[in-house]
C-alpha atoms as a PDB file:
ATOM      1  CA  MET A   1     -80.761  31.872  54.074  1.00  0.00           C
ATOM      2  CA  LYS A   2     -80.849  32.591  57.990  1.00  0.00           C
ATOM      3  CA  PRO A   3     -78.217  35.344  57.776  1.00  0.00           C
ATOM      4  CA  GLN A   4     -80.401  37.105  54.959  1.00  0.00           C
ATOM      5  CA  ARG A   5     -83.529  37.093  57.372  1.00  0.00           C
ATOM      6  CA  SER A   6     -81.391  38.675  60.096  1.00  0.00           C
ATOM      7  CA  ILE A   7     -80.225  41.431  58.031  1.00  0.00           C
ATOM      8  CA  SER A   8     -83.988  42.132  56.893  1.00  0.00           C
ATOM      9  CA  ALA A   9     -85.069  42.466  60.447  1.00  0.00           C
ATOM     10  CA  ALA A  10     -82.377  44.852  61.311  1.00  0.00           C
ATOM     11  CA  ALA A  11     -83.069  46.823  58.438  1.00  0.00           C
ATOM     12  CA  ALA A  12     -86.789  46.950  59.345  1.00  0.00           C
ATOM     13  CA  LEU A  13     -85.930  47.891  62.951  1.00  0.00           C
ATOM     14  CA  ALA A  14     -83.791  50.438  61.705  1.00  0.00           C
ATOM     15  CA  VAL A  15     -86.445  52.148  59.593  1.00  0.00           C
ATOM     16  CA  PHE A  16     -88.805  52.024  62.411  1.00  0.00           C
ATOM     17  CA  LEU A  17     -86.483  53.773  64.847  1.00  0.00           C
ATOM     18  CA  LEU A  18     -85.796  56.415  62.284  1.00  0.00           C
ATOM     19  CA  ALA A  19     -89.233  57.125  61.706  1.00  0.00           C
ATOM     20  CA  LEU A  20     -89.999  57.385  65.388  1.00  0.00           C
ATOM     21  CA  THR A  21     -87.196  59.588  65.868  1.00  0.00           C
ATOM     22  CA  ALA A  22     -88.720  61.905  62.960  1.00  0.00           C
ATOM     23  CA  CYS A  23     -92.073  61.927  64.685  1.00  0.00           C
ATOM     24  CA  THR A  24     -90.794  62.920  68.143  1.00  0.00           C
ATOM     25  CA  GLY A  25     -88.423  65.425  66.563  1.00  0.00           C
ATOM     26  CA  ASP A  26     -91.443  67.512  65.366  1.00  0.00           C
ATOM     27  CA  LYS A  27     -92.403  68.489  68.898  1.00  0.00           C
ATOM     28  CA  PRO A  28     -89.217  70.517  69.624  1.00  0.00           C
ATOM     29  CA  ALA A  29     -89.871  72.358  66.255  1.00  0.00           C
ATOM     30  CA  ALA A  30     -93.371  73.282  67.313  1.00  0.00           C
ATOM     31  CA  GLY A  31     -92.159  74.294  70.624  1.00  0.00           C
ATOM     32  CA  SER A  32     -89.549  76.714  69.268  1.00  0.00           C
ATOM     33  CA  THR A  33     -92.132  78.391  67.038  1.00  0.00           C
ATOM     34  CA  ASP A  34     -94.367  79.377  70.139  1.00  0.00           C
ATOM     35  CA  ALA A  35     -91.378  80.397  72.232  1.00  0.00           C
ATOM     36  CA  PRO A  36     -90.511  83.852  70.451  1.00  0.00           C
ATOM     37  CA  VAL A  37     -94.188  84.876  70.678  1.00  0.00           C
ATOM     38  CA  SER A  38     -94.466  84.546  74.448  1.00  0.00           C
ATOM     39  CA  ALA A  39     -90.855  85.657  75.064  1.00  0.00           C
ATOM     40  CA  SER A  40     -91.281  89.051  73.079  1.00  0.00           C
ATOM     41  CA  PRO A  41     -93.717  91.285  75.119  1.00  0.00           C
ATOM     42  CA  THR A  42     -92.304  94.280  73.370  1.00  0.00           C
ATOM     43  CA  THR A  43     -93.941  93.120  70.233  1.00  0.00           C
ATOM     44  CA  ALA A  44     -97.371  92.979  71.779  1.00  0.00           C
ATOM     45  CA  LEU A  45     -97.114  96.263  73.403  1.00  0.00           C
ATOM     46  CA  THR A  46     -96.122  98.067  70.052  1.00  0.00           C
ATOM     47  CA  ALA A  47     -99.015  96.600  68.148  1.00  0.00           C
ATOM     48  CA  VAL A  48    -101.680  97.759  70.789  1.00  0.00           C
ATOM     49  CA  PRO A  49    -100.447 101.170  72.452  1.00  0.00           C
ATOM     50  CA  GLU A  50    -101.616 101.884  76.058  1.00  0.00           C
ATOM     51  CA  PRO A  51    -104.222 104.538  76.533  1.00  0.00           C
ATOM     52  CA  SER A  52    -102.744 108.024  77.308  1.00  0.00           C
ATOM     53  CA  THR A  53    -102.959 108.777  81.022  1.00  0.00           C
ATOM     54  CA  ALA A  54    -102.795 112.568  80.535  1.00  0.00           C
ATOM     55  CA  PRO A  55    -105.956 114.296  81.558  1.00  0.00           C
ATOM     56  CA  GLU A  56    -108.084 115.829  78.770  1.00  0.00           C
ATOM     57  CA  PRO A  57    -108.568 119.752  78.982  1.00  0.00           C
ATOM     58  CA  SER A  58    -111.858 120.640  80.240  1.00  0.00           C
ATOM     59  CA  ALA A  59    -114.388 122.444  78.003  1.00  0.00           C
ATOM     60  CA  SER A  60    -114.736 126.204  78.651  1.00  0.00           C
ATOM     61  CA  PRO A  61    -118.089 127.912  78.489  1.00  0.00           C
ATOM     62  CA  SER A  62    -118.824 129.198  75.045  1.00  0.00           C
ATOM     63  CA  GLN A  63    -119.058 132.911  74.491  1.00  0.00           C
ATOM     64  CA  PRO A  64    -121.428 134.361  72.121  1.00  0.00           C
ATOM     65  CA  ALA A  65    -119.884 136.367  69.119  1.00  0.00           C
ATOM     66  CA  GLY A  66    -118.659 139.886  69.958  1.00  0.00           C
ATOM     67  CA  GLY A  67    -118.593 139.195  73.610  1.00  0.00           C
ATOM     68  CA  GLU A  68    -122.486 139.416  73.945  1.00  0.00           C
ATOM     69  CA  THR A  69    -124.050 138.117  76.907  1.00  0.00           C
ATOM     70  CA  GLN A  70    -127.758 137.207  77.452  1.00  0.00           C
ATOM     71  CA  VAL A  71    -130.406 139.786  76.926  1.00  0.00           C
ATOM     72  CA  ILE A  72    -131.164 141.908  80.130  1.00  0.00           C
ATOM     73  CA  LYS A  73    -134.552 143.508  80.821  1.00  0.00           C
ATOM     74  CA  GLY A  74    -135.005 146.556  82.878  1.00  0.00           C
ATOM     75  CA  THR A  75    -137.097 149.515  83.689  1.00  0.00           C
ATOM     76  CA  GLY A  76    -136.308 153.212  84.546  1.00  0.00           C
ATOM     77  CA  VAL A  77    -136.810 156.879  83.879  1.00  0.00           C
ATOM     78  CA  TYR A  78    -135.685 158.335  80.479  1.00  0.00           C
ATOM     79  CA  ASN A  79    -133.162 161.072  81.195  1.00  0.00           C
ATOM     80  CA  GLY A  80    -132.566 162.355  77.844  1.00  0.00           C
ATOM     81  CA  GLN A  81    -130.462 161.673  74.550  1.00  0.00           C
ATOM     82  CA  ILE A  82    -126.601 162.050  75.021  1.00  0.00           C
ATOM     83  CA  ASP A  83    -125.862 162.098  71.239  1.00  0.00           C
ATOM     84  CA  ASN A  84    -127.487 160.704  67.934  1.00  0.00           C
ATOM     85  CA  HIS A  85    -126.289 157.259  69.218  1.00  0.00           C
ATOM     86  CA  SER A  86    -126.899 156.832  72.872  1.00  0.00           C
ATOM     87  CA  ILE A  87    -129.122 158.038  75.576  1.00  0.00           C
ATOM     88  CA  GLU A  88    -129.214 157.959  79.466  1.00  0.00           C
ATOM     89  CA  ILE A  89    -131.773 155.989  81.669  1.00  0.00           C
ATOM     90  CA  GLN A  90    -132.073 156.478  85.469  1.00  0.00           C
ATOM     91  CA  THR A  91    -132.233 152.960  86.867  1.00  0.00           C
ATOM     92  CA  GLU A  92    -131.970 151.462  90.373  1.00  0.00           C
ATOM     93  CA  GLU A  93    -128.231 151.477  89.953  1.00  0.00           C
ATOM     94  CA  GLY A  94    -128.189 155.093  89.099  1.00  0.00           C
ATOM     95  CA  PRO A  95    -127.793 156.867  85.681  1.00  0.00           C
ATOM     96  CA  ILE A  96    -126.640 154.545  82.974  1.00  0.00           C
ATOM     97  CA  ALA A  97    -125.707 155.314  79.254  1.00  0.00           C
ATOM     98  CA  PHE A  98    -126.981 153.022  76.712  1.00  0.00           C
ATOM     99  CA  GLU A  99    -126.143 152.705  73.067  1.00  0.00           C
ATOM    100  CA  LEU A 100    -129.030 152.595  70.544  1.00  0.00           C
ATOM    101  CA  GLY A 101    -129.048 149.474  68.757  1.00  0.00           C
ATOM    102  CA  ALA A 102    -130.371 148.969  65.080  1.00  0.00           C
ATOM    103  CA  GLY A 103    -133.577 150.077  64.480  1.00  0.00           C
ATOM    104  CA  LEU A 104    -133.960 152.344  67.598  1.00  0.00           C
ATOM    105  CA  GLU A 105    -132.383 155.364  66.090  1.00  0.00           C
ATOM    106  CA  ASN A 106    -135.756 157.272  66.084  1.00  0.00           C
ATOM    107  CA  VAL A 107    -137.313 155.929  69.322  1.00  0.00           C
ATOM    108  CA  PRO A 108    -135.930 158.730  71.306  1.00  0.00           C
ATOM    109  CA  GLU A 109    -137.842 161.196  69.377  1.00  0.00           C
ATOM    110  CA  THR A 110    -141.103 159.610  70.898  1.00  0.00           C
ATOM    111  CA  LEU A 111    -139.838 160.029  74.475  1.00  0.00           C
ATOM    112  CA  ASN A 112    -139.721 163.018  76.740  1.00  0.00           C
ATOM    113  CA  GLU A 113    -137.538 163.472  79.818  1.00  0.00           C
ATOM    114  CA  GLU A 114    -138.826 161.772  83.015  1.00  0.00           C
ATOM    115  CA  ASN A 115    -140.895 159.300  81.009  1.00  0.00           C
ATOM    116  CA  LYS A 116    -140.829 155.874  82.432  1.00  0.00           C
ATOM    117  CA  VAL A 117    -139.379 153.304  79.995  1.00  0.00           C
ATOM    118  CA  SER A 118    -139.114 149.701  79.577  1.00  0.00           C
ATOM    119  CA  PHE A 119    -135.993 148.348  77.843  1.00  0.00           C
ATOM    120  CA  GLU A 120    -133.705 145.275  76.871  1.00  0.00           C
ATOM    121  CA  TYR A 121    -130.233 145.330  76.296  1.00  0.00           C
ATOM    122  CA  VAL A 122    -127.012 143.089  75.892  1.00  0.00           C
ATOM    123  CA  GLU A 123    -123.578 143.678  77.046  1.00  0.00           C
ATOM    124  CA  LYS A 124    -120.617 143.794  74.733  1.00  0.00           C
ATOM    125  CA  GLU A 125    -116.976 143.508  75.740  1.00  0.00           C
ATOM    126  CA  VAL A 126    -114.761 146.714  74.746  1.00  0.00           C
ATOM    127  CA  GLU A 127    -111.822 145.429  72.714  1.00  0.00           C
ATOM    128  CA  GLY A 128    -108.666 145.921  74.592  1.00  0.00           C
ATOM    129  CA  ASP A 129    -110.382 146.276  78.124  1.00  0.00           C
ATOM    130  CA  ASP A 130    -112.334 143.294  79.338  1.00  0.00           C
ATOM    131  CA  SER A 131    -113.508 145.301  82.447  1.00  0.00           C
ATOM    132  CA  VAL A 132    -115.575 147.754  80.385  1.00  0.00           C
ATOM    133  CA  LYS A 133    -118.850 146.703  79.201  1.00  0.00           C
ATOM    134  CA  GLN A 134    -120.896 148.447  76.351  1.00  0.00           C
ATOM    135  CA  ARG A 135    -124.640 148.227  76.868  1.00  0.00           C
ATOM    136  CA  VAL A 136    -126.586 148.223  73.652  1.00  0.00           C
ATOM    137  CA  LEU A 137    -130.317 148.509  73.792  1.00  0.00           C
ATOM    138  CA  THR A 138    -132.376 146.129  71.611  1.00  0.00           C
ATOM    139  CA  LYS A 139    -135.771 147.267  72.778  1.00  0.00           C
ATOM    140  CA  LEU A 140    -136.876 150.694  74.222  1.00  0.00           C
ATOM    141  CA  SER A 141    -140.444 152.019  74.738  1.00  0.00           C
ATOM    142  CA  ALA A 142    -142.264 154.154  77.000  1.00  0.00           C
ATOM    143  CA  SER A 143    -144.070 152.204  79.868  1.00  0.00           C
ATOM    144  CA  GLU A 144    -147.821 152.533  79.823  1.00  0.00           C
ATOM    145  CA  GLY A 145    -149.150 155.354  81.726  1.00  0.00           C
ATOM    146  CA  SER A 146    -145.986 157.334  81.258  1.00  0.00           C
ATOM    147  CA  ALA A 147    -147.590 160.100  79.418  1.00  0.00           C
ATOM    148  CA  ASP A 148    -150.929 160.410  81.321  1.00  0.00           C
ATOM    149  CA  SER A 149    -150.111 163.982  82.317  1.00  0.00           C
ATOM    150  CA  SER A 150    -149.993 166.679  79.674  1.00  0.00           C
ATOM    151  CA  SER A 151    -147.310 168.487  81.891  1.00  0.00           C
ATOM    152  CA  GLU A 152    -145.054 165.803  80.920  1.00  0.00           C
ATOM    153  CA  LEU A 153    -144.939 166.960  77.208  1.00  0.00           C
ATOM    154  CA  PRO A 154    -143.284 170.218  76.482  1.00  0.00           C
ATOM    155  CA  PRO A 155    -144.832 172.641  74.059  1.00  0.00           C
ATOM    156  CA  THR A 156    -142.014 172.388  71.701  1.00  0.00           C
ATOM    157  CA  LYS A 157    -139.430 169.910  70.715  1.00  0.00           C
ATOM    158  CA  LYS A 158    -136.346 169.888  68.323  1.00  0.00           C
ATOM    159  CA  LEU A 159    -136.380 167.040  65.859  1.00  0.00           C
ATOM    160  CA  GLU A 160    -133.975 165.916  63.405  1.00  0.00           C
ATOM    161  CA  LEU A 161    -134.772 164.935  59.841  1.00  0.00           C
ATOM    162  CA  THR A 162    -132.995 164.451  56.467  1.00  0.00           C
ATOM    163  CA  LEU A 163    -133.728 166.860  53.515  1.00  0.00           C
ATOM    164  CA  GLU A 164    -132.034 166.379  50.199  1.00  0.00           C
ATOM    165  CA  GLY A 165    -129.425 164.118  51.838  1.00  0.00           C
ATOM    166  CA  SER A 166    -128.505 166.620  54.632  1.00  0.00           C
ATOM    167  CA  LYS A 167    -129.540 166.321  58.209  1.00  0.00           C
ATOM    168  CA  GLU A 168    -131.327 169.247  59.839  1.00  0.00           C
ATOM    169  CA  VAL A 169    -132.747 170.149  63.196  1.00  0.00           C
ATOM    170  CA  LYS A 170    -136.073 171.955  63.148  1.00  0.00           C
ATOM    171  CA  THR A 171    -138.547 172.876  65.971  1.00  0.00           C
ATOM    172  CA  ALA A 172    -141.856 171.083  66.194  1.00  0.00           C
ATOM    173  CA  ALA A 173    -145.062 172.201  68.455  1.00  0.00           C
ATOM    174  CA  LEU A 174    -147.140 169.951  70.275  1.00  0.00           C
ATOM    175  CA  ALA A 175    -150.504 168.922  68.999  1.00  0.00           C
ATOM    176  CA  GLN A 176    -153.235 167.154  70.969  1.00  0.00           C
ATOM    177  CA  GLY A 177    -155.259 164.525  68.927  1.00  0.00           C
ATOM    178  CA  ASN A 178    -158.005 162.031  70.189  1.00  0.00           C
ATOM    179  CA  GLY A 179    -156.141 160.079  72.893  1.00  0.00           C
ATOM    180  CA  TYR A 180    -152.696 160.903  71.505  1.00  0.00           C
ATOM    181  CA  ALA A 181    -150.389 163.623  70.820  1.00  0.00           C
ATOM    182  CA  VAL A 182    -147.744 164.321  68.188  1.00  0.00           C
ATOM    183  CA  TYR A 183    -145.329 167.204  67.342  1.00  0.00           C
ATOM    184  CA  LEU A 184    -145.545 169.046  64.084  1.00  0.00           C
ATOM    185  CA  PHE A 185    -143.426 171.364  62.102  1.00  0.00           C
ATOM    186  CA  ASP A 186    -144.786 174.664  61.129  1.00  0.00           C
ATOM    187  CA  ILE A 187    -145.408 173.538  57.530  1.00  0.00           C
ATOM    188  CA  LEU A 188    -147.896 170.923  58.722  1.00  0.00           C
ATOM    189  CA  GLY A 189    -151.514 171.447  59.865  1.00  0.00           C
ATOM    190  CA  PHE A 190    -153.704 169.185  62.138  1.00  0.00           C
ATOM    191  CA  ASP A 191    -157.468 168.445  62.025  1.00  0.00           C
ATOM    192  CA  GLN A 192    -157.912 166.806  65.219  1.00  0.00           C
ATOM    193  CA  ALA A 193    -161.531 165.546  64.272  1.00  0.00           C
ATOM    194  CA  LYS A 194    -160.326 163.799  61.322  1.00  0.00           C
ATOM    195  CA  GLY A 195    -156.943 162.689  62.872  1.00  0.00           C
ATOM    196  CA  ARG A 196    -155.318 164.142  60.038  1.00  0.00           C
ATOM    197  CA  ILE A 197    -151.778 165.782  59.548  1.00  0.00           C
ATOM    198  CA  TYR A 198    -151.685 167.575  56.256  1.00  0.00           C
ATOM    199  CA  LEU A 199    -149.361 169.938  54.293  1.00  0.00           C
ATOM    200  CA  LYS A 200    -150.621 173.543  54.808  1.00  0.00           C
ATOM    201  CA  VAL A 201    -149.796 174.551  51.114  1.00  0.00           C
ATOM    202  CA  ASP A 202    -151.471 171.492  49.645  1.00  0.00           C
ATOM    203  CA  SER A 203    -153.795 169.277  51.772  1.00  0.00           C
ATOM    204  CA  GLU A 204    -153.736 166.568  49.316  1.00  0.00           C
ATOM    205  CA  TYR A 205    -150.670 165.606  51.115  1.00  0.00           C
ATOM    206  CA  TYR A 206    -151.756 164.009  54.335  1.00  0.00           C
ATOM    207  CA  ALA A 207    -151.246 161.205  56.910  1.00  0.00           C
ATOM    208  CA  ASP A 208    -154.424 159.964  58.743  1.00  0.00           C
ATOM    209  CA  ILE A 209    -154.062 158.366  62.237  1.00  0.00           C
ATOM    210  CA  GLU A 210    -156.551 155.773  63.379  1.00  0.00           C
ATOM    211  CA  LYS A 211    -156.617 154.093  66.876  1.00  0.00           C
ATOM    212  CA  LEU A 212    -156.754 150.550  66.811  1.00  0.00           C
ATOM    213  CA  PRO A 213    -158.571 148.098  69.494  1.00  0.00           C
ATOM    214  CA  SER A 214    -156.408 146.455  71.834  1.00  0.00           C
ATOM    215  CA  ASP A 215    -156.681 142.946  70.323  1.00  0.00           C
ATOM    216  CA  PHE A 216    -155.897 143.943  66.861  1.00  0.00           C
ATOM    217  CA  ASN A 217    -154.658 141.237  64.454  1.00  0.00           C
ATOM    218  CA  LEU A 218    -151.462 142.035  62.499  1.00  0.00           C
ATOM    219  CA  ASP A 219    -152.022 139.390  59.932  1.00  0.00           C
ATOM    220  CA  TYR A 220    -155.688 140.832  59.336  1.00  0.00           C
ATOM    221  CA  LEU A 221    -154.394 144.283  58.975  1.00  0.00           C
ATOM    222  CA  ARG A 222    -151.797 143.160  56.519  1.00  0.00           C
ATOM    223  CA  LEU A 223    -154.518 141.705  54.167  1.00  0.00           C
ATOM    224  CA  GLU A 224    -156.868 144.768  54.591  1.00  0.00           C
ATOM    225  CA  GLY A 225    -153.712 147.096  53.899  1.00  0.00           C
ATOM    226  CA  SER A 226    -152.657 145.256  50.799  1.00  0.00           C
ATOM    227  CA  LYS A 227    -156.305 144.993  49.560  1.00  0.00           C
ATOM    228  CA  GLU A 228    -156.644 148.952  49.867  1.00  0.00           C
ATOM    229  CA  LEU A 229    -153.233 149.717  48.485  1.00  0.00           C
ATOM    230  CA  SER A 230    -153.677 147.205  45.582  1.00  0.00           C
ATOM    231  CA  LYS A 231    -156.204 149.838  44.074  1.00  0.00           C
ATOM    232  CA  ILE A 232    -153.179 152.097  43.611  1.00  0.00           C
ATOM    233  CA  GLY A 233    -150.606 149.813  42.185  1.00  0.00           C
ATOM    234  CA  GLU A 234    -148.315 146.875  43.270  1.00  0.00           C
ATOM    235  CA  VAL A 235    -148.064 146.384  46.896  1.00  0.00           C
ATOM    236  CA  LYS A 236    -144.713 146.162  48.700  1.00  0.00           C
ATOM    237  CA  GLU A 237    -143.940 145.512  52.351  1.00  0.00           C
ATOM    238  CA  LEU A 238    -140.925 147.402  53.535  1.00  0.00           C
ATOM    239  CA  LYS A 239    -138.515 145.663  55.977  1.00  0.00           C
ATOM    240  CA  GLY A 240    -135.068 146.124  57.493  1.00  0.00           C
ATOM    241  CA  ASP A 241    -133.284 149.272  56.471  1.00  0.00           C
ATOM    242  CA  GLU A 242    -135.968 150.346  54.176  1.00  0.00           C
ATOM    243  CA  ARG A 243    -138.351 150.613  57.248  1.00  0.00           C
ATOM    244  CA  THR A 244    -135.737 151.988  59.490  1.00  0.00           C
ATOM    245  CA  ARG A 245    -135.188 155.188  57.239  1.00  0.00           C
ATOM    246  CA  ALA A 246    -138.800 156.141  57.733  1.00  0.00           C
ATOM    247  CA  MET A 247    -140.238 154.498  60.830  1.00  0.00           C
ATOM    248  CA  ALA A 248    -138.028 152.138  62.576  1.00  0.00           C
ATOM    249  CA  ASP A 249    -140.612 150.935  65.354  1.00  0.00           C
ATOM    250  CA  ALA A 250    -143.408 150.303  62.782  1.00  0.00           C
ATOM    251  CA  ARG A 251    -145.267 146.805  62.967  1.00  0.00           C
ATOM    252  CA  LEU A 252    -146.305 146.946  59.398  1.00  0.00           C
ATOM    253  CA  PHE A 253    -145.217 149.012  56.559  1.00  0.00           C
ATOM    254  CA  LEU A 254    -146.756 148.684  53.060  1.00  0.00           C
ATOM    255  CA  THR A 255    -146.484 150.935  50.201  1.00  0.00           C
ATOM    256  CA  ALA A 256    -147.742 151.241  46.656  1.00  0.00           C
ATOM    257  CA  THR A 257    -147.159 153.638  43.765  1.00  0.00           C
ATOM    258  CA  GLY A 258    -149.421 154.282  40.960  1.00  0.00           C
ATOM    259  CA  LYS A 259    -149.870 157.008  38.210  1.00  0.00           C
ATOM    260  CA  ASP A 260    -151.059 159.662  40.533  1.00  0.00           C
ATOM    261  CA  GLY A 261    -148.578 159.090  43.508  1.00  0.00           C
ATOM    262  CA  THR A 262    -147.780 156.880  46.441  1.00  0.00           C
ATOM    263  CA  LYS A 263    -149.856 155.633  49.238  1.00  0.00           C
ATOM    264  CA  LYS A 264    -148.651 153.992  52.483  1.00  0.00           C
ATOM    265  CA  TYR A 265    -150.313 151.759  55.136  1.00  0.00           C
ATOM    266  CA  ILE A 266    -148.536 151.584  58.405  1.00  0.00           C
ATOM    267  CA  VAL A 267    -149.086 149.939  61.863  1.00  0.00           C
ATOM    268  CA  LYS A 268    -147.313 151.560  64.745  1.00  0.00           C
ATOM    269  CA  GLU A 269    -147.635 151.145  68.450  1.00  0.00           C
ATOM    270  CA  SER A 270    -146.904 153.604  71.280  1.00  0.00           C
ATOM    271  CA  GLY A 271    -147.151 152.898  74.989  1.00  0.00           C
ATOM    272  CA  GLY A 272    -149.155 149.623  74.389  1.00  0.00           C
ATOM    273  CA  GLN A 273    -151.629 151.437  71.839  1.00  0.00           C
ATOM    274  CA  GLY A 274    -151.815 150.443  68.269  1.00  0.00           C
ATOM    275  CA  TYR A 275    -152.421 152.937  65.444  1.00  0.00           C
ATOM    276  CA  ILE A 276    -153.047 152.751  61.736  1.00  0.00           C
ATOM    277  CA  ILE A 277    -151.235 155.516  59.685  1.00  0.00           C
ATOM    278  CA  THR A 278    -152.415 155.998  56.049  1.00  0.00           C
ATOM    279  CA  MET A 279    -150.285 158.402  54.200  1.00  0.00           C
ATOM    280  CA  ASN A 280    -151.118 160.090  50.799  1.00  0.00           C
ATOM    281  CA  ILE A 281    -148.245 161.386  48.647  1.00  0.00           C
ATOM    282  CA  PRO A 282    -149.311 162.679  45.251  1.00  0.00           C
ATOM    283  CA  PHE A 283    -146.784 163.600  42.482  1.00  0.00           C
ATOM    284  CA  GLY A 284    -146.019 167.144  42.639  1.00  0.00           C
ATOM    285  CA  ASP A 285    -143.861 169.819  44.057  1.00  0.00           C
ATOM    286  CA  ALA A 286    -143.891 168.601  47.734  1.00  0.00           C
ATOM    287  CA  THR A 287    -143.412 164.917  46.784  1.00  0.00           C
ATOM    288  CA  GLU A 288    -140.055 165.070  48.274  1.00  0.00           C
ATOM    289  CA  GLY A 289    -140.292 167.362  51.199  1.00  0.00           C
ATOM    290  CA  PHE A 290    -143.362 166.150  52.731  1.00  0.00           C
ATOM    291  CA  PRO A 291    -142.563 162.433  53.846  1.00  0.00           C
ATOM    292  CA  PRO A 292    -139.405 163.570  55.783  1.00  0.00           C
ATOM    293  CA  HIS A 293    -141.489 166.103  57.734  1.00  0.00           C
ATOM    294  CA  ALA A 294    -144.449 163.926  58.113  1.00  0.00           C
ATOM    295  CA  PHE A 295    -142.442 160.995  59.356  1.00  0.00           C
ATOM    296  CA  ALA A 296    -140.283 162.972  61.677  1.00  0.00           C
ATOM    297  CA  SER A 297    -143.592 164.043  63.291  1.00  0.00           C
ATOM    298  CA  LEU A 298    -145.347 160.747  63.276  1.00  0.00           C
ATOM    299  CA  ASN A 299    -142.439 159.217  65.127  1.00  0.00           C
ATOM    300  CA  THR A 300    -143.124 161.439  68.078  1.00  0.00           C
ATOM    301  CA  LEU A 301    -146.743 159.929  68.371  1.00  0.00           C
ATOM    302  CA  VAL A 302    -147.512 158.988  72.074  1.00  0.00           C
ATOM    303  CA  ASN A 303    -150.399 157.598  73.706  1.00  0.00           C
ATOM    304  CA  ARG A 304    -152.408 159.786  75.916  1.00  0.00           C
END
């Protein structure tokens, strides 16, 4: 029986040592798992790339479309019209040519040489030559007091108008109104007391000119004009190209057509002075011819 107990004790000791060996054998395995992570810096760099050290390009100033720059204001003396699209103004820098911007095509007709003018313009780059700048007017008007002397207005002036789709140049004569002057074609008469321009062969075709106070309210005039024209027919306010074809610098342009003809209510400014122009155009032989002559003349209206 004694030998049997010795064998059992030896077996138990062997099992204990085997278990202990197994437990201590786990530690190298855990260590071997950590070792590749700490020993592989390349793997970490690949997962999280370093930020680029190349300098970012600096933002360049944005340029307005078409090479336009900021609006520039100035004053000078009107030297005259170069062609249908450009004029010359004497400035402190000397004589400078300006292109007429949209809506200013008829403004030169209201000016006389040596008139003092105020203007605003933008500069545009000329394609193919960055050193050349094109000056395009956005605003142009006679300065207040530029037409105080009647000697500044010549007795006649050549005006351009469109008749039956063709442009013509005709001579108009100076007429003096109550605090204003206007150039009229020979087919037009003028009643100074009434401030009325009319067609000589039919006085029912006419345009009345009324001076406005300096503090006139355009919104109020719009309501007043709409109320007056609504007696004729549906009232429409002309804007953009529709206004440009007749009177580009009008502040307000209302029109209505009824069974007897068309009536227009217009607010215009010249030299800081406002005017109401009421035009009557019956249906008849002169329905097509009167408006071009009347508008060409009214576009020359200057404050006196």
